[in-house]
């Protein structure tokens, strides 16, 4: 068994190699040599990118998910607290209602 370790590539690097393969300007072997990756791996990354490309545009626009921190109970309690503070400030400053 050899003492070499596997190389770990970032997602950005894989995407760059796959996009180069999709362009079709260079052969898979040329791309593999340029980036220091086996041509078979280049082909696998290209296939993965093509398979997942359609899911990028599947998300539909619309209302964003409701923020749980904006629950009505929390908002009503915040309104009550602010109203009490306002009343206290009015009393302290001498402003009548």
PDB file of N, CA and C in Angstrom:
ATOM      1  N   UNK A   1       0.848  -1.170   0.000  1.00  0.00           N
ATOM      2  CA  UNK A   1       0.000   0.000   0.000  1.00  0.00           C
ATOM      3  C   UNK A   1       0.898   1.239   0.000  1.00  0.00           C
ATOM      4  N   UNK A   2       0.537   2.208  -0.789  1.00  0.00           N
ATOM      5  CA  UNK A   2       1.364   3.412  -0.908  1.00  0.00           C
ATOM      6  C   UNK A   2       1.090   4.364   0.246  1.00  0.00           C
ATOM      7  N   UNK A   3       1.991   5.270   0.484  1.00  0.00           N
ATOM      8  CA  UNK A   3       1.880   6.214   1.587  1.00  0.00           C
ATOM      9  C   UNK A   3       1.251   7.532   1.183  1.00  0.00           C
ATOM     10  N   UNK A   4       0.634   7.609   0.012  1.00  0.00           N
ATOM     11  CA  UNK A   4       0.024   8.865  -0.418  1.00  0.00           C
ATOM     12  C   UNK A   4      -1.352   9.031   0.201  1.00  0.00           C
ATOM     13  N   UNK A   5      -1.709  10.267   0.465  1.00  0.00           N
ATOM     14  CA  UNK A   5      -3.022  10.568   1.026  1.00  0.00           C
ATOM     15  C   UNK A   5      -3.919  11.135  -0.057  1.00  0.00           C
ATOM     16  N   UNK A   6      -5.197  11.007   0.158  1.00  0.00           N
ATOM     17  CA  UNK A   6      -6.166  11.556  -0.792  1.00  0.00           C
ATOM     18  C   UNK A   6      -6.158  13.071  -0.749  1.00  0.00           C
ATOM     19  N   UNK A   7      -6.423  13.639  -1.902  1.00  0.00           N
ATOM     20  CA  UNK A   7      -6.551  15.092  -1.985  1.00  0.00           C
ATOM     21  C   UNK A   7      -8.005  15.461  -1.721  1.00  0.00           C
ATOM     22  N   UNK A   8      -8.193  16.539  -1.023  1.00  0.00           N
ATOM     23  CA  UNK A   8      -9.541  17.047  -0.758  1.00  0.00           C
ATOM     24  C   UNK A   8      -9.669  18.385  -1.474  1.00  0.00           C
ATOM     25  N   UNK A   9     -10.703  18.496  -2.304  1.00  0.00           N
ATOM     26  CA  UNK A   9     -10.910  19.699  -3.098  1.00  0.00           C
ATOM     27  C   UNK A   9     -12.128  20.450  -2.577  1.00  0.00           C
ATOM     28  N   UNK A  10     -12.064  21.762  -2.636  1.00  0.00           N
ATOM     29  CA  UNK A  10     -13.192  22.580  -2.190  1.00  0.00           C
ATOM     30  C   UNK A  10     -14.300  22.538  -3.238  1.00  0.00           C
ATOM     31  N   UNK A  11     -15.483  22.907  -2.807  1.00  0.00           N
ATOM     32  CA  UNK A  11     -16.611  22.963  -3.728  1.00  0.00           C
ATOM     33  C   UNK A  11     -16.398  23.979  -4.829  1.00  0.00           C
ATOM     34  N   UNK A  12     -15.745  25.077  -4.482  1.00  0.00           N
ATOM     35  CA  UNK A  12     -15.469  26.112  -5.474  1.00  0.00           C
ATOM     36  C   UNK A  12     -14.545  25.577  -6.567  1.00  0.00           C
ATOM     37  N   UNK A  13     -13.520  24.821  -6.161  1.00  0.00           N
ATOM     38  CA  UNK A  13     -12.579  24.252  -7.120  1.00  0.00           C
ATOM     39  C   UNK A  13     -13.288  23.252  -8.031  1.00  0.00           C
ATOM     40  N   UNK A  14     -14.114  22.396  -7.440  1.00  0.00           N
ATOM     41  CA  UNK A  14     -14.847  21.396  -8.226  1.00  0.00           C
ATOM     42  C   UNK A  14     -15.762  22.077  -9.243  1.00  0.00           C
ATOM     43  N   UNK A  15     -16.429  23.144  -8.811  1.00  0.00           N
ATOM     44  CA  UNK A  15     -17.333  23.864  -9.713  1.00  0.00           C
ATOM     45  C   UNK A  15     -16.565  24.497 -10.864  1.00  0.00           C
ATOM     46  N   UNK A  16     -15.407  25.054 -10.560  1.00  0.00           N
ATOM     47  CA  UNK A  16     -14.596  25.685 -11.607  1.00  0.00           C
ATOM     48  C   UNK A  16     -14.156  24.654 -12.642  1.00  0.00           C
ATOM     49  N   UNK A  17     -13.713  23.479 -12.169  1.00  0.00           N
ATOM     50  CA  UNK A  17     -13.276  22.415 -13.083  1.00  0.00           C
ATOM     51  C   UNK A  17     -14.465  21.917 -13.907  1.00  0.00           C
ATOM     52  N   UNK A  18     -15.616  21.722 -13.241  1.00  0.00           N
ATOM     53  CA  UNK A  18     -16.803  21.227 -13.945  1.00  0.00           C
ATOM     54  C   UNK A  18     -17.288  22.219 -14.989  1.00  0.00           C
ATOM     55  N   UNK A  19     -17.263  23.497 -14.668  1.00  0.00           N
ATOM     56  CA  UNK A  19     -17.676  24.512 -15.640  1.00  0.00           C
ATOM     57  C   UNK A  19     -16.743  24.542 -16.843  1.00  0.00           C
ATOM     58  N   UNK A  20     -15.476  24.367 -16.588  1.00  0.00           N
ATOM     59  CA  UNK A  20     -14.501  24.306 -17.690  1.00  0.00           C
ATOM     60  C   UNK A  20     -14.816  23.118 -18.593  1.00  0.00           C
ATOM     61  N   UNK A  21     -15.201  22.001 -18.001  1.00  0.00           N
ATOM     62  CA  UNK A  21     -15.537  20.810 -18.786  1.00  0.00           C
ATOM     63  C   UNK A  21     -16.824  21.025 -19.575  1.00  0.00           C
ATOM     64  N   UNK A  22     -17.774  21.716 -18.992  1.00  0.00           N
ATOM     65  CA  UNK A  22     -19.047  21.969 -19.676  1.00  0.00           C
ATOM     66  C   UNK A  22     -18.849  22.905 -20.859  1.00  0.00           C
ATOM     67  N   UNK A  23     -17.946  23.858 -20.737  1.00  0.00           N
ATOM     68  CA  UNK A  23     -17.686  24.778 -21.852  1.00  0.00           C
ATOM     69  C   UNK A  23     -17.291  24.023 -23.113  1.00  0.00           C
ATOM     70  N   UNK A  24     -16.548  22.956 -22.948  1.00  0.00           N
ATOM     71  CA  UNK A  24     -16.181  22.134 -24.094  1.00  0.00           C
ATOM     72  C   UNK A  24     -15.060  22.678 -24.950  1.00  0.00           C
ATOM     73  N   UNK A  25     -14.361  23.687 -24.485  1.00  0.00           N
ATOM     74  CA  UNK A  25     -13.263  24.258 -25.256  1.00  0.00           C
ATOM     75  C   UNK A  25     -12.055  23.334 -25.228  1.00  0.00           C
ATOM     76  N   UNK A  26     -11.799  22.741 -24.074  1.00  0.00           N
ATOM     77  CA  UNK A  26     -10.670  21.828 -23.910  1.00  0.00           C
ATOM     78  C   UNK A  26     -11.192  20.418 -23.700  1.00  0.00           C
ATOM     79  N   UNK A  27     -10.331  19.436 -23.946  1.00  0.00           N
ATOM     80  CA  UNK A  27     -10.714  18.053 -23.689  1.00  0.00           C
ATOM     81  C   UNK A  27     -10.629  17.780 -22.194  1.00  0.00           C
ATOM     82  N   UNK A  28     -11.259  16.694 -21.771  1.00  0.00           N
ATOM     83  CA  UNK A  28     -11.235  16.315 -20.375  1.00  0.00           C
ATOM     84  C   UNK A  28      -9.798  16.047 -19.921  1.00  0.00           C
ATOM     85  N   UNK A  29      -9.004  15.464 -20.794  1.00  0.00           N
ATOM     86  CA  UNK A  29      -7.604  15.201 -20.453  1.00  0.00           C
ATOM     87  C   UNK A  29      -6.826  16.494 -20.254  1.00  0.00           C
ATOM     88  N   UNK A  30      -7.060  17.481 -21.100  1.00  0.00           N
ATOM     89  CA  UNK A  30      -6.382  18.769 -20.949  1.00  0.00           C
ATOM     90  C   UNK A  30      -6.782  19.456 -19.651  1.00  0.00           C
ATOM     91  N   UNK A  31      -8.057  19.401 -19.340  1.00  0.00           N
ATOM     92  CA  UNK A  31      -8.545  20.016 -18.096  1.00  0.00           C
ATOM     93  C   UNK A  31      -7.932  19.303 -16.890  1.00  0.00           C
ATOM     94  N   UNK A  32      -7.883  17.986 -16.953  1.00  0.00           N
ATOM     95  CA  UNK A  32      -7.289  17.211 -15.867  1.00  0.00           C
ATOM     96  C   UNK A  32      -5.831  17.573 -15.638  1.00  0.00           C
ATOM     97  N   UNK A  33      -5.095  17.725 -16.712  1.00  0.00           N
ATOM     98  CA  UNK A  33      -3.687  18.106 -16.583  1.00  0.00           C
ATOM     99  C   UNK A  33      -3.547  19.523 -16.029  1.00  0.00           C
ATOM    100  N   UNK A  34      -4.375  20.420 -16.510  1.00  0.00           N
ATOM    101  CA  UNK A  34      -4.291  21.819 -16.084  1.00  0.00           C
ATOM    102  C   UNK A  34      -4.557  21.973 -14.589  1.00  0.00           C
ATOM    103  N   UNK A  35      -5.556  21.252 -14.096  1.00  0.00           N
ATOM    104  CA  UNK A  35      -5.955  21.402 -12.696  1.00  0.00           C
ATOM    105  C   UNK A  35      -5.364  20.332 -11.780  1.00  0.00           C
ATOM    106  N   UNK A  36      -4.645  19.380 -12.328  1.00  0.00           N
ATOM    107  CA  UNK A  36      -4.033  18.331 -11.511  1.00  0.00           C
ATOM    108  C   UNK A  36      -5.039  17.338 -10.967  1.00  0.00           C
ATOM    109  N   UNK A  37      -6.032  17.010 -11.783  1.00  0.00           N
ATOM    110  CA  UNK A  37      -7.101  16.097 -11.393  1.00  0.00           C
ATOM    111  C   UNK A  37      -7.200  15.009 -12.455  1.00  0.00           C
ATOM    112  N   UNK A  38      -7.562  13.805 -12.041  1.00  0.00           N
ATOM    113  CA  UNK A  38      -7.712  12.706 -12.999  1.00  0.00           C
ATOM    114  C   UNK A  38      -8.891  13.004 -13.928  1.00  0.00           C
ATOM    115  N   UNK A  39      -8.761  12.700 -15.222  1.00  0.00           N
ATOM    116  CA  UNK A  39      -9.839  12.986 -16.182  1.00  0.00           C
ATOM    117  C   UNK A  39     -11.179  12.342 -15.806  1.00  0.00           C
ATOM    118  N   UNK A  40     -11.141  11.169 -15.199  1.00  0.00           N
ATOM    119  CA  UNK A  40     -12.387  10.529 -14.773  1.00  0.00           C
ATOM    120  C   UNK A  40     -13.098  11.386 -13.726  1.00  0.00           C
ATOM    121  N   UNK A  41     -12.329  11.961 -12.820  1.00  0.00           N
ATOM    122  CA  UNK A  41     -12.911  12.822 -11.784  1.00  0.00           C
ATOM    123  C   UNK A  41     -13.522  14.068 -12.402  1.00  0.00           C
ATOM    124  N   UNK A  42     -12.868  14.613 -13.417  1.00  0.00           N
ATOM    125  CA  UNK A  42     -13.407  15.781 -14.125  1.00  0.00           C
ATOM    126  C   UNK A  42     -14.782  15.432 -14.705  1.00  0.00           C
ATOM    127  N   UNK A  43     -14.881  14.265 -15.309  1.00  0.00           N
ATOM    128  CA  UNK A  43     -16.156  13.831 -15.884  1.00  0.00           C
ATOM    129  C   UNK A  43     -17.237  13.652 -14.832  1.00  0.00           C
ATOM    130  N   UNK A  44     -16.866  13.123 -13.671  1.00  0.00           N
ATOM    131  CA  UNK A  44     -17.846  12.933 -12.594  1.00  0.00           C
ATOM    132  C   UNK A  44     -18.351  14.276 -12.060  1.00  0.00           C
ATOM    133  N   UNK A  45     -17.442  15.225 -11.892  1.00  0.00           N
ATOM    134  CA  UNK A  45     -17.852  16.545 -11.419  1.00  0.00           C
ATOM    135  C   UNK A  45     -18.731  17.241 -12.448  1.00  0.00           C
ATOM    136  N   UNK A  46     -18.433  17.045 -13.720  1.00  0.00           N
ATOM    137  CA  UNK A  46     -19.243  17.636 -14.788  1.00  0.00           C
ATOM    138  C   UNK A  46     -20.655  17.060 -14.740  1.00  0.00           C
ATOM    139  N   UNK A  47     -20.774  15.751 -14.596  1.00  0.00           N
ATOM    140  CA  UNK A  47     -22.084  15.111 -14.519  1.00  0.00           C
ATOM    141  C   UNK A  47     -22.863  15.588 -13.292  1.00  0.00           C
ATOM    142  N   UNK A  48     -22.170  15.710 -12.164  1.00  0.00           N
ATOM    143  CA  UNK A  48     -22.831  16.163 -10.941  1.00  0.00           C
ATOM    144  C   UNK A  48     -23.363  17.587 -11.104  1.00  0.00           C
ATOM    145  N   UNK A  49     -22.578  18.448 -11.731  1.00  0.00           N
ATOM    146  CA  UNK A  49     -23.005  19.827 -11.945  1.00  0.00           C
ATOM    147  C   UNK A  49     -24.222  19.883 -12.873  1.00  0.00           C
ATOM    148  N   UNK A  50     -24.192  19.101 -13.928  1.00  0.00           N
ATOM    149  CA  UNK A  50     -25.322  19.089 -14.857  1.00  0.00           C
ATOM    150  C   UNK A  50     -26.575  18.539 -14.185  1.00  0.00           C
ATOM    151  N   UNK A  51     -26.420  17.545 -13.333  1.00  0.00           N
ATOM    152  CA  UNK A  51     -27.581  16.942 -12.671  1.00  0.00           C
ATOM    153  C   UNK A  51     -28.209  17.903 -11.661  1.00  0.00           C
ATOM    154  N   UNK A  52     -27.398  18.717 -11.012  1.00  0.00           N
ATOM    155  CA  UNK A  52     -27.916  19.600  -9.967  1.00  0.00           C
ATOM    156  C   UNK A  52     -28.208  21.010 -10.459  1.00  0.00           C
ATOM    157  N   UNK A  53     -27.887  21.306 -11.697  1.00  0.00           N
ATOM    158  CA  UNK A  53     -28.085  22.659 -12.218  1.00  0.00           C
ATOM    159  C   UNK A  53     -29.557  23.054 -12.245  1.00  0.00           C
ATOM    160  N   UNK A  54     -30.436  22.123 -12.573  1.00  0.00           N
ATOM    161  CA  UNK A  54     -31.857  22.473 -12.666  1.00  0.00           C
ATOM    162  C   UNK A  54     -32.446  22.821 -11.307  1.00  0.00           C
ATOM    163  N   UNK A  55     -31.918  22.264 -10.233  1.00  0.00           N
ATOM    164  CA  UNK A  55     -32.465  22.552  -8.905  1.00  0.00           C
ATOM    165  C   UNK A  55     -32.156  23.972  -8.448  1.00  0.00           C
ATOM    166  N   UNK A  56     -31.213  24.638  -9.095  1.00  0.00           N
ATOM    167  CA  UNK A  56     -30.896  26.017  -8.728  1.00  0.00           C
ATOM    168  C   UNK A  56     -32.065  26.948  -8.992  1.00  0.00           C
ATOM    169  N   UNK A  57     -32.875  26.623  -9.983  1.00  0.00           N
ATOM    170  CA  UNK A  57     -33.958  27.501 -10.390  1.00  0.00           C
ATOM    171  C   UNK A  57     -35.333  26.988  -9.963  1.00  0.00           C
ATOM    172  N   UNK A  58     -35.366  25.942  -9.129  1.00  0.00           N
ATOM    173  CA  UNK A  58     -36.633  25.389  -8.679  1.00  0.00           C
ATOM    174  C   UNK A  58     -37.291  26.227  -7.587  1.00  0.00           C
ATOM    175  N   UNK A  59     -36.517  26.946  -6.802  1.00  0.00           N
ATOM    176  CA  UNK A  59     -37.068  27.729  -5.706  1.00  0.00           C
ATOM    177  C   UNK A  59     -37.979  28.811  -6.274  1.00  0.00           C
ATOM    178  N   UNK A  60     -39.181  28.880  -5.731  1.00  0.00           N
ATOM    179  CA  UNK A  60     -40.153  29.850  -6.220  1.00  0.00           C
ATOM    180  C   UNK A  60     -40.099  31.107  -5.375  1.00  0.00           C
ATOM    181  N   UNK A  61     -40.392  32.196  -6.026  1.00  0.00           N
ATOM    182  CA  UNK A  61     -40.481  33.450  -5.299  1.00  0.00           C
ATOM    183  C   UNK A  61     -41.811  33.496  -4.590  1.00  0.00           C
ATOM    184  N   UNK A  62     -41.855  34.236  -3.575  1.00  0.00           N
ATOM    185  CA  UNK A  62     -43.098  34.371  -2.826  1.00  0.00           C
ATOM    186  C   UNK A  62     -42.803  34.908  -1.450  1.00  0.00           C
ATOM    187  N   UNK A  63     -43.803  34.845  -0.599  1.00  0.00           N
ATOM    188  CA  UNK A  63     -43.573  35.358   0.749  1.00  0.00           C
ATOM    189  C   UNK A  63     -42.507  34.533   1.460  1.00  0.00           C
ATOM    190  N   UNK A  64     -41.707  35.227   2.199  1.00  0.00           N
ATOM    191  CA  UNK A  64     -40.658  34.543   2.944  1.00  0.00           C
ATOM    192  C   UNK A  64     -41.289  33.818   4.130  1.00  0.00           C
ATOM    193  N   UNK A  65     -40.629  32.790   4.628  1.00  0.00           N
ATOM    194  CA  UNK A  65     -41.178  32.075   5.780  1.00  0.00           C
ATOM    195  C   UNK A  65     -41.363  33.018   6.971  1.00  0.00           C
ATOM    196  N   UNK A  66     -42.391  32.752   7.724  1.00  0.00           N
ATOM    197  CA  UNK A  66     -42.715  33.600   8.866  1.00  0.00           C
ATOM    198  C   UNK A  66     -41.643  33.421   9.936  1.00  0.00           C
ATOM    199  N   UNK A  67     -41.190  34.542  10.442  1.00  0.00           N
ATOM    200  CA  UNK A  67     -40.185  34.539  11.499  1.00  0.00           C
ATOM    201  C   UNK A  67     -40.868  34.183  12.815  1.00  0.00           C
ATOM    202  N   UNK A  68     -40.438  33.101  13.471  1.00  0.00           N
ATOM    203  CA  UNK A  68     -41.103  32.709  14.718  1.00  0.00           C
ATOM    204  C   UNK A  68     -40.945  33.744  15.827  1.00  0.00           C
ATOM    205  N   UNK A  69     -39.922  34.592  15.733  1.00  0.00           N
ATOM    206  CA  UNK A  69     -39.741  35.610  16.766  1.00  0.00           C
ATOM    207  C   UNK A  69     -40.771  36.730  16.627  1.00  0.00           C
ATOM    208  N   UNK A  70     -41.498  36.764  15.520  1.00  0.00           N
ATOM    209  CA  UNK A  70     -42.504  37.806  15.301  1.00  0.00           C
ATOM    210  C   UNK A  70     -43.901  37.283  15.635  1.00  0.00           C
ATOM    211  N   UNK A  71     -44.001  36.392  16.613  1.00  0.00           N
ATOM    212  CA  UNK A  71     -45.300  35.829  16.982  1.00  0.00           C
ATOM    213  C   UNK A  71     -46.178  36.930  17.574  1.00  0.00           C
ATOM    214  N   UNK A  72     -47.484  36.814  17.410  1.00  0.00           N
ATOM    215  CA  UNK A  72     -48.394  37.847  17.929  1.00  0.00           C
ATOM    216  C   UNK A  72     -48.259  38.049  19.438  1.00  0.00           C
ATOM    217  N   UNK A  73     -48.065  36.964  20.182  1.00  0.00           N
ATOM    218  CA  UNK A  73     -47.952  37.092  21.639  1.00  0.00           C
ATOM    219  C   UNK A  73     -46.745  37.954  22.011  1.00  0.00           C
ATOM    220  N   UNK A  74     -45.638  37.720  21.353  1.00  0.00           N
ATOM    221  CA  UNK A  74     -44.429  38.479  21.653  1.00  0.00           C
ATOM    222  C   UNK A  74     -44.621  39.944  21.275  1.00  0.00           C
ATOM    223  N   UNK A  75     -45.275  40.168  20.137  1.00  0.00           N
ATOM    224  CA  UNK A  75     -45.496  41.543  19.693  1.00  0.00           C
ATOM    225  C   UNK A  75     -46.436  42.298  20.634  1.00  0.00           C
ATOM    226  N   UNK A  76     -47.498  41.631  21.093  1.00  0.00           N
ATOM    227  CA  UNK A  76     -48.420  42.284  22.027  1.00  0.00           C
ATOM    228  C   UNK A  76     -47.734  42.603  23.348  1.00  0.00           C
ATOM    229  N   UNK A  77     -46.876  41.712  23.821  1.00  0.00           N
ATOM    230  CA  UNK A  77     -46.164  41.982  25.072  1.00  0.00           C
ATOM    231  C   UNK A  77     -45.205  43.156  24.891  1.00  0.00           C
ATOM    232  N   UNK A  78     -44.582  43.248  23.714  1.00  0.00           N
ATOM    233  CA  UNK A  78     -43.680  44.371  23.423  1.00  0.00           C
ATOM    234  C   UNK A  78     -44.467  45.686  23.388  1.00  0.00           C
ATOM    235  N   UNK A  79     -45.646  45.665  22.788  1.00  0.00           N
ATOM    236  CA  UNK A  79     -46.490  46.868  22.740  1.00  0.00           C
ATOM    237  C   UNK A  79     -46.862  47.296  24.152  1.00  0.00           C
ATOM    238  N   UNK A  80     -47.238  46.331  24.983  1.00  0.00           N
ATOM    239  CA  UNK A  80     -47.603  46.651  26.368  1.00  0.00           C
ATOM    240  C   UNK A  80     -46.439  47.263  27.135  1.00  0.00           C
ATOM    241  N   UNK A  81     -45.254  46.696  26.964  1.00  0.00           N
ATOM    242  CA  UNK A  81     -44.079  47.212  27.660  1.00  0.00           C
ATOM    243  C   UNK A  81     -43.774  48.640  27.211  1.00  0.00           C
ATOM    244  N   UNK A  82     -43.834  48.877  25.902  1.00  0.00           N
ATOM    245  CA  UNK A  82     -43.543  50.215  25.375  1.00  0.00           C
ATOM    246  C   UNK A  82     -44.585  51.238  25.829  1.00  0.00           C
ATOM    247  N   UNK A  83     -45.837  50.808  25.904  1.00  0.00           N
ATOM    248  CA  UNK A  83     -46.896  51.712  26.366  1.00  0.00           C
ATOM    249  C   UNK A  83     -46.662  52.102  27.811  1.00  0.00           C
ATOM    250  N   UNK A  84     -46.257  51.140  28.637  1.00  0.00           N
ATOM    251  CA  UNK A  84     -45.971  51.448  30.041  1.00  0.00           C
ATOM    252  C   UNK A  84     -44.793  52.420  30.153  1.00  0.00           C
ATOM    253  N   UNK A  85     -43.753  52.209  29.359  1.00  0.00           N
ATOM    254  CA  UNK A  85     -42.596  53.111  29.376  1.00  0.00           C
ATOM    255  C   UNK A  85     -42.996  54.521  28.947  1.00  0.00           C
ATOM    256  N   UNK A  86     -43.839  54.605  27.916  1.00  0.00           N
ATOM    257  CA  UNK A  86     -44.294  55.905  27.433  1.00  0.00           C
ATOM    258  C   UNK A  86     -45.099  56.626  28.509  1.00  0.00           C
ATOM    259  N   UNK A  87     -46.009  55.893  29.165  1.00  0.00           N
ATOM    260  CA  UNK A  87     -46.803  56.492  30.233  1.00  0.00           C
ATOM    261  C   UNK A  87     -45.907  56.986  31.358  1.00  0.00           C
ATOM    262  N   UNK A  88     -44.910  56.220  31.723  1.00  0.00           N
ATOM    263  CA  UNK A  88     -43.982  56.603  32.794  1.00  0.00           C
ATOM    264  C   UNK A  88     -43.208  57.865  32.411  1.00  0.00           C
ATOM    265  N   UNK A  89     -42.736  57.892  31.140  1.00  0.00           N
ATOM    266  CA  UNK A  89     -41.990  59.070  30.685  1.00  0.00           C
ATOM    267  C   UNK A  89     -42.873  60.317  30.659  1.00  0.00           C
ATOM    268  N   UNK A  90     -44.110  60.154  30.244  1.00  0.00           N
ATOM    269  CA  UNK A  90     -45.029  61.295  30.227  1.00  0.00           C
ATOM    270  C   UNK A  90     -45.253  61.805  31.645  1.00  0.00           C
ATOM    271  N   UNK A  91     -45.421  60.892  32.588  1.00  0.00           N
ATOM    272  CA  UNK A  91     -45.650  61.267  33.981  1.00  0.00           C
ATOM    273  C   UNK A  91     -44.444  62.006  34.545  1.00  0.00           C
ATOM    274  N   UNK A  92     -43.246  61.500  34.274  1.00  0.00           N
ATOM    275  CA  UNK A  92     -42.020  62.102  34.786  1.00  0.00           C
ATOM    276  C   UNK A  92     -41.756  63.475  34.177  1.00  0.00           C
ATOM    277  N   UNK A  93     -42.088  63.613  32.897  1.00  0.00           N
ATOM    278  CA  UNK A  93     -41.791  64.889  32.232  1.00  0.00           C
ATOM    279  C   UNK A  93     -42.871  65.937  32.473  1.00  0.00           C
ATOM    280  N   UNK A  94     -44.014  65.508  32.984  1.00  0.00           N
ATOM    281  CA  UNK A  94     -45.099  66.459  33.282  1.00  0.00           C
ATOM    282  C   UNK A  94     -46.023  66.674  32.116  1.00  0.00           C
ATOM    283  N   UNK A  95     -45.931  65.892  31.064  1.00  0.00           N
ATOM    284  CA  UNK A  95     -46.823  66.024  29.922  1.00  0.00           C
ATOM    285  C   UNK A  95     -48.133  65.313  30.268  1.00  0.00           C
ATOM    286  N   UNK A  96     -49.243  66.025  30.119  1.00  0.00           N
ATOM    287  CA  UNK A  96     -50.542  65.389  30.402  1.00  0.00           C
ATOM    288  C   UNK A  96     -51.128  64.857  29.100  1.00  0.00           C
ATOM    289  N   UNK A  97     -52.034  63.914  29.294  1.00  0.00           N
ATOM    290  CA  UNK A  97     -52.639  63.293  28.097  1.00  0.00           C
ATOM    291  C   UNK A  97     -53.843  64.025  27.625  1.00  0.00           C
TER     292      UNK A  97
END
